[in-house]
Amino acid sequence: MTSLPPLIDRLLPFLAWRRQWSAASLRGDLIAGVTVALMLIPQSLAYAQLASLPPHVGLYAALLPAVVAALFGSCAQLSTGPVALTSILTGASLLPFADPASPAFLTLAILLALLSGLIQLALGALRAGWLLNLLSRPVMTGFINAAALIIGLSQLPALLGVVMPQSTHFLVDFWTALGALDTAHPLSAAFGAGSLLALLLLKRFAPGSPAVLIVVACATATSAAVGYGSRGGAVVGAIPAGLPVLGVPEFDWNAAVALIPTAFVIALVSFMEATSSAKLISGKSGQDWDQNQELIGQGVAKIAAAISGALPVSASFSRSALNYVSGARSGLSSLIAAACVLVTLLYLTPLLWHLPKPVLAAIILHVITGLIDLRALARAWQAGRDDGLASTLTFIATLVFAPNIQNGVVAGLLLSLALMLYREMRPRTALLGLHPDGTYRDLARFGLEHPDPAIVILRFDSPLTFVTAAAFERAVLAAAATHAGLRTVLISAAGINTIDATGLHTLSLLIERLRGTNTNLAFCGLKKQVIDVMQKTGLWLRLGKHADYRTEHQALEALREDAAAVTPER
């Protein structure tokens, strides 16, 4: 079979599926698609509730977006649709703008899907996926743990049949709900707690079973039998049958400007979730995936969600893992799962009328238990103080700012970038001496002597840029003042892999300043890209032969010979 041109293969990755198909793989895709659908359909209803949206919006998000993501994404086993983190971000971020019971709330959710999709699509098309790497793992860890905790707390009142107020202060709302536990609806609490217990038991004793579907089916049948809805219980109720009406979303410039920060956070967080799944699956399957192409796939999926009147979507970690272990080898499995959602929308929605909403809360609580990993916060502190600070601040800020949890990500992102810049402004430097093993190493750490009374060796482990130039100048001047009789400061420059205009200017000033004290500035181990810049700007000629040494040993021998024959230049 002839291969596709590389550009076509990249832009239309689904055309490569045929190369992966065989009787066994098609059977695996079929089984995986049905298996994922059994989890996807109940989760879609639950995540719509988490976003404070009508249940059918979750089903819409599991239909066309799942198909589009499979067609244009690069990792065939990703299962795209509504997920917990994106749903809580959507619902929480829209509370300051509209009442969840109003049509405007859904309109804003659709606009948010469009904006976040356009951001991801633009980043992917521009091959700028590297920008999303700004969100460090400690920040993501702090956010996920705090968001999972908020999700869990937000669903506890619904699990027990308690009405929880919704304002701009989540912790206050939760405390108010705790004070109203005496108003809990006993039958709702029984459905909620019983469903959660059943999910946990099925996971423990029947891990391969469609636990969510079993619980939903049993709870719905029981609800209908006992008349749960007529006895004051909250049920899903009527779900519009049929397909979503496709159309261009309403675009309000004022609302769009207000939602851009949240849209960017959703684009960032949802893609980090997709990336985690893609890396795990590609590592097991051996199939390559492309970060920028996946951005395009996830971006057009969000745009498809907006066109079909749904909330922002993302790749689900749990469903993607289930998709892979169930035998999925191409995106056909996602198309089959979407077909099951289609059948549900067309024919099965009346069966969901009696589904108790506390059961949906139980499903959400069961899912988020896998997201909470407080030990990861401790591991961040073990890795370093800066990582620990970034992770902890993100965790605390996410809780404090809730329901505007996107502010927690922004706070963590800004802190991690500030700490990184602070670290870069304080690069590691060391004076070197000759170690018994024949290498030049940190003389303070190993108790070594300076290699020569007239020469000091300074190692600089950083690029020489506007960020580090001041630190480099301080280090050189401190080295030049190490002891009397010093004639040369030799820079061990293997760690200098780039230099900018500020670095060049600093070097120029140092050359003149040191020459005023009969001291030379020399370099060894300079990289070619740094030498090229020095030659273009004329600095190389000013340094002369003192910049062309390759090793500390070669430099010392040459400098000693020069010192014996020539007086240092004034």
Protein backbone atom coordinates (compact mmCIF):
# COMPACT_ATOMS: atom_id res chain seq x y z
CA MET A 1 0.00 0.00 0.00
CA THR A 2 1.46 3.35 -1.04
CA SER A 3 2.15 5.84 1.69
CA LEU A 4 0.55 9.26 1.75
CA PRO A 5 2.52 12.45 1.12
CA PRO A 6 3.89 13.66 4.48
CA LEU A 7 1.85 16.90 4.48
CA ILE A 8 -1.43 15.09 3.74
CA ASP A 9 -0.58 12.40 6.28
CA ARG A 10 -0.02 15.10 8.92
CA LEU A 11 -3.05 17.25 8.14
CA LEU A 12 -5.44 14.29 7.77
CA PRO A 13 -4.11 11.66 10.20
CA PHE A 14 -7.25 9.53 9.94
CA LEU A 15 -6.20 8.53 6.41
CA ALA A 16 -3.47 6.43 8.02
CA TRP A 17 -5.95 4.27 9.93
CA ARG A 18 -6.28 1.83 7.02
CA ARG A 19 -2.63 0.87 7.43
CA GLN A 20 -3.38 -0.27 10.99
CA TRP A 21 -6.49 -2.28 10.23
CA SER A 22 -6.66 -6.02 10.36
CA ALA A 23 -9.37 -8.45 11.44
CA ALA A 24 -7.99 -8.46 14.99
CA SER A 25 -7.58 -4.68 15.23
CA LEU A 26 -11.07 -4.00 13.87
CA ARG A 27 -12.51 -6.36 16.45
CA GLY A 28 -10.48 -4.57 19.15
CA ASP A 29 -11.75 -1.18 17.99
CA LEU A 30 -15.34 -2.44 18.09
CA ILE A 31 -15.03 -3.88 21.59
CA ALA A 32 -13.17 -0.80 22.87
CA GLY A 33 -15.71 1.59 21.36
CA VAL A 34 -18.66 -0.14 23.01
CA THR A 35 -16.80 -0.49 26.30
CA VAL A 36 -15.88 3.20 26.41
CA ALA A 37 -19.44 4.18 25.49
CA LEU A 38 -20.76 2.32 28.52
CA MET A 39 -18.66 4.65 30.68
CA LEU A 40 -18.93 7.74 28.48
CA ILE A 41 -22.73 8.08 28.43
CA PRO A 42 -23.30 8.15 32.23
CA GLN A 43 -20.19 10.30 32.73
CA SER A 44 -21.43 12.79 30.15
CA LEU A 45 -24.62 13.31 32.16
CA ALA A 46 -22.61 13.64 35.38
CA TYR A 47 -20.09 16.12 33.98
CA ALA A 48 -22.86 18.28 32.55
CA GLN A 49 -24.24 18.46 36.10
CA LEU A 50 -20.75 19.33 37.37
CA ALA A 51 -20.67 22.25 34.93
CA SER A 52 -24.16 23.34 36.08
CA LEU A 53 -25.56 22.59 32.61
CA PRO A 54 -28.53 20.48 31.44
CA PRO A 55 -27.74 16.74 31.11
CA HIS A 56 -28.26 16.59 27.34
CA VAL A 57 -25.41 19.10 26.87
CA GLY A 58 -23.03 16.43 28.17
CA LEU A 59 -24.32 13.95 25.58
CA TYR A 60 -23.87 16.54 22.83
CA ALA A 61 -20.27 16.99 23.99
CA ALA A 62 -19.70 13.25 23.61
CA LEU A 63 -20.94 13.09 20.01
CA LEU A 64 -19.51 15.35 17.29
CA PRO A 65 -16.45 16.51 19.31
CA ALA A 66 -15.41 12.89 19.89
CA VAL A 67 -15.60 12.17 16.15
CA VAL A 68 -13.67 15.30 15.17
CA ALA A 69 -10.93 14.73 17.75
CA ALA A 70 -10.47 11.16 16.54
CA LEU A 71 -10.25 12.24 12.90
CA PHE A 72 -7.72 15.05 13.39
CA GLY A 73 -5.78 14.04 16.51
CA SER A 74 -2.48 12.19 16.36
CA CYS A 75 -3.04 9.67 19.17
CA ALA A 76 -5.68 7.23 17.98
CA GLN A 77 -6.63 5.92 21.42
CA LEU A 78 -7.55 9.23 23.06
CA SER A 79 -11.19 9.38 24.14
CA THR A 80 -12.45 12.95 23.86
CA GLY A 81 -15.59 14.32 25.47
CA PRO A 82 -16.65 16.00 28.72
CA VAL A 83 -14.18 15.53 31.59
CA ALA A 84 -14.17 16.52 35.24
CA LEU A 85 -11.50 19.25 35.22
CA THR A 86 -12.79 21.02 32.13
CA SER A 87 -16.38 20.80 33.38
CA ILE A 88 -15.62 22.27 36.80
CA LEU A 89 -13.55 25.03 35.15
CA THR A 90 -16.43 25.82 32.81
CA GLY A 91 -19.14 25.92 35.45
CA ALA A 92 -17.09 27.77 38.05
CA SER A 93 -15.75 30.42 35.69
CA LEU A 94 -19.21 31.32 34.38
CA LEU A 95 -20.89 31.83 37.77
CA PRO A 96 -19.88 35.52 38.01
CA PHE A 97 -21.44 36.20 34.60
CA ALA A 98 -24.79 34.40 34.61
CA ASP A 99 -27.25 32.34 36.64
CA PRO A 100 -26.79 28.60 35.93
CA ALA A 101 -30.54 28.30 35.42
CA SER A 102 -30.56 30.95 32.70
CA PRO A 103 -30.13 30.43 28.93
CA ALA A 104 -27.24 32.92 29.06
CA PHE A 105 -25.21 30.44 31.11
CA LEU A 106 -25.31 27.84 28.32
CA THR A 107 -24.58 30.53 25.73
CA LEU A 108 -21.44 31.52 27.63
CA ALA A 109 -20.36 27.88 28.00
CA ILE A 110 -20.64 27.45 24.24
CA LEU A 111 -18.64 30.64 23.70
CA LEU A 112 -16.00 29.34 26.12
CA ALA A 113 -15.75 26.14 24.08
CA LEU A 114 -15.25 28.17 20.93
CA LEU A 115 -12.58 30.44 22.42
CA SER A 116 -10.55 27.64 24.02
CA GLY A 117 -10.79 25.67 20.77
CA LEU A 118 -9.56 28.59 18.69
CA ILE A 119 -6.63 29.07 21.07
CA GLN A 120 -5.60 25.43 20.77
CA LEU A 121 -6.12 25.38 17.01
CA ALA A 122 -3.99 28.51 16.57
CA LEU A 123 -1.19 27.12 18.75
CA GLY A 124 -1.20 23.85 16.85
CA ALA A 125 -1.30 25.48 13.41
CA LEU A 126 1.59 27.78 14.37
CA ARG A 127 3.55 24.79 15.76
CA ALA A 128 3.65 26.62 19.09
CA GLY A 129 2.73 23.72 21.34
CA TRP A 130 5.90 24.35 23.33
CA LEU A 131 4.13 27.33 24.94
CA LEU A 132 1.96 24.92 26.90
CA ASN A 133 5.09 23.55 28.55
CA LEU A 134 5.10 26.73 30.65
CA LEU A 135 2.70 24.94 32.98
CA SER A 136 5.11 22.97 35.13
CA ARG A 137 4.32 19.61 36.67
CA PRO A 138 4.31 20.97 40.27
CA VAL A 139 1.77 23.65 39.29
CA MET A 140 -0.38 21.06 37.54
CA THR A 141 -0.11 18.76 40.56
CA GLY A 142 -1.23 21.48 42.95
CA PHE A 143 -4.11 22.47 40.70
CA ILE A 144 -5.38 18.95 40.05
CA ASN A 145 -5.39 18.07 43.74
CA ALA A 146 -7.18 21.28 44.73
CA ALA A 147 -9.65 21.03 41.84
CA ALA A 148 -10.40 17.40 42.67
CA LEU A 149 -11.00 18.38 46.30
CA ILE A 150 -13.33 21.20 45.20
CA ILE A 151 -15.18 18.83 42.86
CA GLY A 152 -15.61 16.33 45.66
CA LEU A 153 -16.83 18.93 48.15
CA SER A 154 -19.20 20.43 45.60
CA GLN A 155 -20.85 17.06 45.00
CA LEU A 156 -21.30 16.05 48.64
CA PRO A 157 -24.44 18.19 49.13
CA ALA A 158 -25.93 16.80 45.90
CA LEU A 159 -25.08 13.30 47.06
CA LEU A 160 -27.07 13.85 50.24
CA GLY A 161 -29.91 15.83 48.71
CA VAL A 162 -28.88 19.14 50.29
CA VAL A 163 -29.23 22.40 48.38
CA MET A 164 -25.89 24.21 48.13
CA PRO A 165 -25.87 27.94 47.31
CA GLN A 166 -23.72 29.11 44.44
CA SER A 167 -21.85 32.38 44.81
CA THR A 168 -18.37 33.71 44.17
CA HIS A 169 -17.07 32.15 47.42
CA PHE A 170 -17.12 28.37 47.20
CA LEU A 171 -15.78 27.62 50.68
CA VAL A 172 -18.45 29.87 52.23
CA ASP A 173 -21.12 28.13 50.15
CA PHE A 174 -19.90 24.72 51.26
CA TRP A 175 -19.87 25.78 54.90
CA THR A 176 -23.45 26.98 54.50
CA ALA A 177 -24.42 23.64 53.00
CA LEU A 178 -22.81 21.82 55.93
CA GLY A 179 -24.98 23.85 58.27
CA ALA A 180 -28.04 22.59 56.42
CA LEU A 181 -27.31 18.87 56.69
CA ASP A 182 -30.41 18.48 58.86
CA THR A 183 -32.43 19.24 55.72
CA ALA A 184 -30.91 16.31 53.81
CA HIS A 185 -33.37 14.26 51.80
CA PRO A 186 -33.13 10.71 53.24
CA LEU A 187 -34.01 8.90 50.01
CA SER A 188 -31.53 11.03 48.03
CA ALA A 189 -28.82 10.27 50.58
CA ALA A 190 -29.63 6.57 50.25
CA PHE A 191 -29.35 6.67 46.47
CA GLY A 192 -26.16 8.75 46.55
CA ALA A 193 -24.30 6.89 49.28
CA GLY A 194 -25.52 3.51 48.04
CA SER A 195 -24.36 4.24 44.49
CA LEU A 196 -20.94 5.41 45.66
CA LEU A 197 -20.54 2.29 47.80
CA ALA A 198 -21.61 0.10 44.88
CA LEU A 199 -19.07 1.74 42.57
CA LEU A 200 -16.28 1.21 45.08
CA LEU A 201 -17.25 -2.44 45.64
CA LEU A 202 -17.47 -3.15 41.91
CA LYS A 203 -14.07 -1.55 41.37
CA ARG A 204 -12.64 -3.73 44.15
CA PHE A 205 -14.26 -7.07 43.37
CA ALA A 206 -15.23 -6.80 39.68
CA PRO A 207 -12.68 -4.42 38.12
CA GLY A 208 -13.47 -5.49 34.57
CA SER A 209 -17.21 -4.85 34.80
CA PRO A 210 -19.00 -1.74 33.41
CA ALA A 211 -19.52 -0.49 36.96
CA VAL A 212 -20.92 2.93 36.06
CA LEU A 213 -23.49 1.47 33.68
CA ILE A 214 -24.55 -1.20 36.19
CA VAL A 215 -25.05 1.36 38.94
CA VAL A 216 -26.92 3.77 36.66
CA ALA A 217 -29.21 1.06 35.34
CA CYS A 218 -30.00 -0.35 38.79
CA ALA A 219 -30.48 3.11 40.35
CA THR A 220 -32.73 4.26 37.50
CA ALA A 221 -34.89 1.11 37.73
CA THR A 222 -35.12 1.43 41.52
CA SER A 223 -35.98 5.13 41.24
CA ALA A 224 -38.82 4.37 38.85
CA ALA A 225 -40.08 1.56 41.06
CA VAL A 226 -40.20 3.58 44.28
CA GLY A 227 -41.35 6.83 42.67
CA TYR A 228 -38.23 8.71 43.75
CA GLY A 229 -39.04 11.79 41.63
CA SER A 230 -42.57 12.08 42.98
CA ARG A 231 -41.25 11.82 46.55
CA GLY A 232 -39.17 14.96 46.32
CA GLY A 233 -36.02 13.49 44.83
CA ALA A 234 -34.06 15.23 42.08
CA VAL A 235 -34.05 13.25 38.82
CA VAL A 236 -32.50 13.94 35.44
CA GLY A 237 -35.99 14.35 33.96
CA ALA A 238 -36.78 14.92 30.33
CA ILE A 239 -33.80 14.86 27.97
CA PRO A 240 -34.47 16.25 24.49
CA ALA A 241 -34.48 13.35 22.03
CA GLY A 242 -32.70 13.75 18.73
CA LEU A 243 -29.51 15.30 17.45
CA PRO A 244 -28.10 18.67 18.47
CA VAL A 245 -28.91 21.59 16.21
CA LEU A 246 -25.67 22.67 14.55
CA GLY A 247 -24.98 26.36 14.13
CA VAL A 248 -22.46 29.15 14.54
CA PRO A 249 -22.35 30.17 18.23
CA GLU A 250 -23.46 33.62 19.29
CA PHE A 251 -20.41 35.86 19.60
CA ASP A 252 -20.45 38.70 22.09
CA TRP A 253 -17.18 40.66 22.00
CA ASN A 254 -17.53 41.95 25.55
CA ALA A 255 -18.17 38.46 26.90
CA ALA A 256 -15.35 37.04 24.77
CA VAL A 257 -12.84 39.52 26.18
CA ALA A 258 -13.93 38.68 29.73
CA LEU A 259 -13.65 34.94 29.07
CA ILE A 260 -10.28 34.92 27.27
CA PRO A 261 -8.21 34.27 30.47
CA THR A 262 -10.46 31.35 31.41
CA ALA A 263 -10.40 30.04 27.83
CA PHE A 264 -6.60 30.07 27.89
CA VAL A 265 -6.51 28.19 31.20
CA ILE A 266 -8.98 25.61 29.86
CA ALA A 267 -6.86 25.23 26.71
CA LEU A 268 -3.77 24.80 28.89
CA VAL A 269 -5.20 22.39 31.46
CA SER A 270 -7.19 20.28 29.02
CA PHE A 271 -4.19 19.86 26.77
CA MET A 272 -1.99 18.86 29.69
CA GLU A 273 -4.56 16.16 30.42
CA ALA A 274 -4.53 15.05 26.78
CA THR A 275 -0.73 15.10 26.74
CA SER A 276 -0.52 12.89 29.83
CA SER A 277 -2.78 10.31 28.19
CA ALA A 278 -1.00 10.47 24.83
CA LYS A 279 2.45 10.03 26.40
CA LEU A 280 1.31 7.03 28.44
CA ILE A 281 -0.43 5.32 25.52
CA SER A 282 2.32 6.00 22.99
CA GLY A 283 4.88 4.63 25.43
CA LYS A 284 2.95 1.35 25.62
CA SER A 285 1.84 1.08 22.00
CA GLY A 286 5.01 2.35 20.35
CA GLN A 287 2.95 4.61 18.10
CA ASP A 288 4.24 8.13 17.54
CA TRP A 289 2.13 11.15 18.37
CA ASP A 290 2.61 14.80 17.50
CA GLN A 291 2.02 17.49 20.10
CA ASN A 292 1.04 20.17 17.61
CA GLN A 293 -1.26 17.88 15.64
CA GLU A 294 -2.96 16.86 18.89
CA LEU A 295 -3.45 20.53 19.67
CA ILE A 296 -5.20 20.88 16.33
CA GLY A 297 -7.33 17.80 17.03
CA GLN A 298 -8.35 18.98 20.49
CA GLY A 299 -8.90 22.51 19.20
CA VAL A 300 -11.26 21.51 16.40
CA ALA A 301 -13.04 19.19 18.86
CA LYS A 302 -13.80 22.17 21.12
CA ILE A 303 -14.95 24.17 18.11
CA ALA A 304 -17.20 21.24 17.16
CA ALA A 305 -18.56 21.30 20.71
CA ALA A 306 -19.43 24.97 20.30
CA ILE A 307 -21.10 24.34 16.94
CA SER A 308 -23.21 21.56 18.46
CA GLY A 309 -24.19 23.57 21.55
CA ALA A 310 -21.97 21.83 24.09
CA LEU A 311 -19.43 22.67 26.76
CA PRO A 312 -15.62 22.53 26.28
CA VAL A 313 -14.27 19.00 25.92
CA SER A 314 -10.94 17.29 26.48
CA ALA A 315 -9.30 13.90 26.30
CA SER A 316 -10.21 11.82 29.35
CA PHE A 317 -7.32 10.07 31.09
CA SER A 318 -9.48 7.24 32.45
CA ARG A 319 -11.51 6.66 29.28
CA SER A 320 -8.40 6.85 27.08
CA ALA A 321 -6.69 4.22 29.23
CA LEU A 322 -9.82 2.04 29.08
CA ASN A 323 -9.96 2.53 25.32
CA TYR A 324 -6.40 1.28 24.90
CA VAL A 325 -6.59 -1.71 27.26
CA SER A 326 -9.89 -2.74 25.64
CA GLY A 327 -8.14 -3.19 22.32
CA ALA A 328 -8.42 0.13 20.47
CA ARG A 329 -5.74 0.51 17.81
CA SER A 330 -7.21 3.29 15.68
CA GLY A 331 -9.63 6.18 15.99
CA LEU A 332 -12.40 3.91 14.75
CA SER A 333 -13.07 3.00 18.39
CA SER A 334 -14.01 6.63 19.13
CA LEU A 335 -16.37 6.65 16.15
CA ILE A 336 -18.06 3.52 17.49
CA ALA A 337 -18.40 5.10 20.95
CA ALA A 338 -19.92 8.19 19.34
CA ALA A 339 -22.33 5.96 17.43
CA CYS A 340 -23.51 4.54 20.76
CA VAL A 341 -24.08 8.09 22.04
CA LEU A 342 -26.02 8.78 18.84
CA VAL A 343 -28.29 5.78 19.45
CA THR A 344 -28.84 6.97 23.03
CA LEU A 345 -29.83 10.46 21.89
CA LEU A 346 -32.20 9.11 19.25
CA TYR A 347 -33.91 6.28 21.11
CA LEU A 348 -32.86 5.85 24.76
CA THR A 349 -33.27 9.24 26.44
CA PRO A 350 -36.74 8.39 27.87
CA LEU A 351 -35.08 5.61 29.88
CA LEU A 352 -32.96 8.21 31.70
CA TRP A 353 -35.91 10.22 33.06
CA HIS A 354 -35.86 8.53 36.49
CA LEU A 355 -32.07 8.62 36.91
CA PRO A 356 -31.44 10.23 40.36
CA LYS A 357 -29.08 13.18 40.34
CA PRO A 358 -27.38 11.96 43.55
CA VAL A 359 -26.21 8.98 41.47
CA LEU A 360 -24.49 11.38 39.08
CA ALA A 361 -22.81 12.99 42.10
CA ALA A 362 -21.64 9.53 43.17
CA ILE A 363 -20.16 8.92 39.71
CA ILE A 364 -18.23 12.18 39.90
CA LEU A 365 -16.96 11.45 43.42
CA HIS A 366 -15.86 7.99 42.32
CA VAL A 367 -13.91 9.43 39.38
CA ILE A 368 -12.13 12.20 41.28
CA THR A 369 -10.76 9.83 43.92
CA GLY A 370 -8.22 8.86 41.28
CA LEU A 371 -7.19 12.50 40.81
CA ILE A 372 -6.27 13.21 44.42
CA ASP A 373 -2.62 12.47 45.16
CA LEU A 374 -1.48 14.59 48.09
CA ARG A 375 1.80 12.70 48.21
CA ALA A 376 2.68 14.43 44.93
CA LEU A 377 2.80 17.70 46.87
CA ALA A 378 5.35 16.17 49.23
CA ARG A 379 7.37 14.88 46.27
CA ALA A 380 7.44 18.41 44.85
CA TRP A 381 9.08 19.65 48.07
CA GLN A 382 11.56 16.76 47.90
CA ALA A 383 12.50 17.79 44.36
CA GLY A 384 13.26 21.34 45.46
CA ARG A 385 12.03 24.33 47.41
CA ASP A 386 10.88 26.18 44.31
CA ASP A 387 8.82 23.22 43.07
CA GLY A 388 7.31 22.80 46.50
CA LEU A 389 6.40 26.49 46.73
CA ALA A 390 4.81 26.50 43.26
CA SER A 391 2.80 23.35 43.94
CA THR A 392 1.63 24.44 47.40
CA LEU A 393 0.74 27.99 46.36
CA THR A 394 -1.26 26.67 43.40
CA PHE A 395 -3.10 24.26 45.69
CA ILE A 396 -3.95 26.97 48.24
CA ALA A 397 -4.80 29.63 45.64
CA THR A 398 -7.12 27.25 43.79
CA LEU A 399 -9.02 26.57 47.02
CA VAL A 400 -9.14 30.21 48.08
CA PHE A 401 -10.23 31.55 44.68
CA ALA A 402 -12.86 28.84 44.14
CA PRO A 403 -15.16 28.83 42.28
CA ASN A 404 -12.80 30.88 40.07
CA ILE A 405 -10.28 28.06 40.16
CA GLN A 406 -8.58 29.23 36.97
CA ASN A 407 -6.99 31.94 39.13
CA GLY A 408 -5.16 29.19 41.00
CA VAL A 409 -3.48 28.04 37.78
CA VAL A 410 -2.58 31.60 36.86
CA ALA A 411 -1.09 32.25 40.32
CA GLY A 412 0.96 29.05 40.18
CA LEU A 413 2.10 29.75 36.62
CA LEU A 414 3.23 33.28 37.49
CA LEU A 415 5.05 32.08 40.62
CA SER A 416 6.83 29.24 38.80
CA LEU A 417 7.96 31.62 36.04
CA ALA A 418 9.12 34.18 38.62
CA LEU A 419 11.07 31.52 40.52
CA MET A 420 12.60 30.27 37.28
CA LEU A 421 13.67 33.81 36.36
CA TYR A 422 15.07 34.30 39.87
CA ARG A 423 17.07 31.07 39.56
CA GLU A 424 18.37 32.13 36.14
CA MET A 425 19.49 35.45 37.58
CA ARG A 426 21.61 33.59 40.14
CA PRO A 427 23.58 31.09 38.03
CA ARG A 428 26.03 28.71 39.61
CA THR A 429 29.66 29.84 39.57
CA ALA A 430 32.72 28.20 41.05
CA LEU A 431 36.45 28.82 41.30
CA LEU A 432 38.34 25.76 40.08
CA GLY A 433 41.43 23.90 41.22
CA LEU A 434 43.21 20.79 39.96
CA HIS A 435 41.63 17.64 41.40
CA PRO A 436 43.72 14.50 42.00
CA ASP A 437 41.76 12.80 39.21
CA GLY A 438 43.25 15.29 36.72
CA THR A 439 40.11 17.40 36.22
CA TYR A 440 39.46 20.98 37.31
CA ARG A 441 36.74 21.07 39.93
CA ASP A 442 35.17 23.34 42.55
CA LEU A 443 38.09 24.16 44.84
CA ALA A 444 35.89 25.19 47.77
CA ARG A 445 33.92 21.95 47.69
CA PHE A 446 36.94 19.66 47.33
CA GLY A 447 39.48 21.68 49.32
CA LEU A 448 41.76 22.37 46.34
CA GLU A 449 44.34 25.08 45.70
CA HIS A 450 44.34 27.70 42.97
CA PRO A 451 46.29 26.33 39.97
CA ASP A 452 48.65 29.32 39.74
CA PRO A 453 49.37 32.41 41.90
CA ALA A 454 48.77 34.66 38.89
CA ILE A 455 45.75 32.84 37.42
CA VAL A 456 42.28 32.11 38.75
CA ILE A 457 39.79 29.84 36.93
CA LEU A 458 36.11 30.74 37.13
CA ARG A 459 33.46 28.33 35.89
CA PHE A 460 30.19 29.92 34.77
CA ASP A 461 27.31 27.45 34.35
CA SER A 462 24.77 29.49 32.41
CA PRO A 463 24.07 31.33 29.17
CA LEU A 464 25.46 34.87 29.18
CA THR A 465 22.35 36.97 28.58
CA PHE A 466 20.57 40.02 29.96
CA VAL A 467 19.27 37.78 32.76
CA THR A 468 22.71 36.60 33.92
CA ALA A 469 25.03 39.40 32.79
CA ALA A 470 25.02 41.18 36.17
CA ALA A 471 25.79 37.94 38.01
CA PHE A 472 28.62 37.20 35.56
CA GLU A 473 30.13 40.65 36.12
CA ARG A 474 29.99 40.24 39.91
CA ALA A 475 31.58 36.80 39.71
CA VAL A 476 34.43 37.96 37.46
CA LEU A 477 35.22 40.99 39.61
CA ALA A 478 35.12 38.85 42.75
CA ALA A 479 37.47 36.34 41.11
CA ALA A 480 39.83 39.16 40.05
CA ALA A 481 40.04 40.26 43.70
CA THR A 482 40.81 36.78 45.01
CA HIS A 483 44.43 37.49 45.85
CA ALA A 484 47.25 39.92 45.13
CA GLY A 485 49.43 39.39 42.11
CA LEU A 486 46.61 38.03 39.97
CA ARG A 487 47.14 38.65 36.26
CA THR A 488 44.50 36.52 34.48
CA VAL A 489 40.89 35.54 35.11
CA LEU A 490 40.30 32.40 33.02
CA ILE A 491 36.62 31.67 32.33
CA SER A 492 35.81 27.97 32.00
CA ALA A 493 33.03 28.62 29.48
CA ALA A 494 31.70 25.19 28.53
CA GLY A 495 28.42 26.09 30.25
CA ILE A 496 27.93 29.25 28.19
CA ASN A 497 25.83 27.98 25.29
CA THR A 498 24.51 31.37 24.13
CA ILE A 499 25.30 35.05 24.43
CA ASP A 500 23.18 38.13 23.67
CA ALA A 501 23.84 41.85 23.24
CA THR A 502 23.78 42.49 26.98
CA GLY A 503 26.30 39.72 27.54
CA LEU A 504 28.58 41.14 24.83
CA HIS A 505 28.35 44.62 26.32
CA THR A 506 29.17 43.30 29.79
CA LEU A 507 32.22 41.45 28.42
CA SER A 508 33.41 44.56 26.65
CA LEU A 509 33.23 46.61 29.83
CA LEU A 510 34.95 43.90 31.86
CA ILE A 511 37.84 43.69 29.39
CA GLU A 512 38.54 47.41 29.78
CA ARG A 513 38.04 47.40 33.54
CA LEU A 514 40.40 44.46 34.10
CA ARG A 515 43.04 45.86 31.77
CA GLY A 516 43.07 48.94 33.95
CA THR A 517 44.42 46.72 36.75
CA ASN A 518 46.86 44.82 34.48
CA THR A 519 44.56 41.80 34.45
CA ASN A 520 43.55 39.83 31.37
CA LEU A 521 40.28 38.06 30.70
CA ALA A 522 40.66 34.67 29.02
CA PHE A 523 38.30 31.89 27.98
CA CYS A 524 38.49 28.16 27.46
CA GLY A 525 35.88 25.80 26.12
CA LEU A 526 33.81 28.39 24.29
CA LYS A 527 31.15 26.86 22.03
CA LYS A 528 31.05 27.62 18.31
CA GLN A 529 27.74 29.49 18.44
CA VAL A 530 29.18 31.85 21.07
CA ILE A 531 32.41 32.31 19.11
CA ASP A 532 30.41 33.12 15.97
CA VAL A 533 28.59 35.95 17.75
CA MET A 534 31.85 37.31 19.19
CA GLN A 535 33.44 37.27 15.74
CA LYS A 536 30.50 39.06 14.11
CA THR A 537 30.62 41.88 16.67
CA GLY A 538 34.41 42.28 16.76
CA LEU A 539 34.77 41.20 20.38
CA TRP A 540 36.77 38.16 19.34
CA LEU A 541 39.61 40.36 18.04
CA ARG A 542 39.71 42.28 21.32
CA LEU A 543 40.12 39.07 23.28
CA GLY A 544 42.80 37.85 20.88
CA LYS A 545 44.36 34.47 21.44
CA HIS A 546 43.13 34.45 25.05
CA ALA A 547 39.68 33.25 23.96
CA ASP A 548 40.65 30.27 21.81
CA TYR A 549 41.77 27.78 24.45
CA ARG A 550 39.89 24.49 24.45
CA THR A 551 40.68 23.16 27.96
CA GLU A 552 41.77 24.54 31.32
CA HIS A 553 45.07 22.64 31.05
CA GLN A 554 45.86 24.07 27.59
CA ALA A 555 44.97 27.57 28.75
CA LEU A 556 47.16 27.37 31.86
CA GLU A 557 50.20 26.21 29.89
CA ALA A 558 49.78 28.97 27.29
CA LEU A 559 49.13 31.67 29.87
CA ARG A 560 52.19 30.66 31.88
CA GLU A 561 54.36 30.82 28.76
CA ASP A 562 52.98 34.26 27.92
CA ALA A 563 53.55 35.45 31.48
CA ALA A 564 57.19 34.38 31.28
CA ALA A 565 57.77 36.18 27.99
CA VAL A 566 55.40 39.14 27.88
CA THR A 567 54.28 41.81 30.29
CA PRO A 568 50.43 41.96 30.56
CA GLU A 569 48.95 44.53 28.19
CA ARG A 570 47.86 47.83 29.68
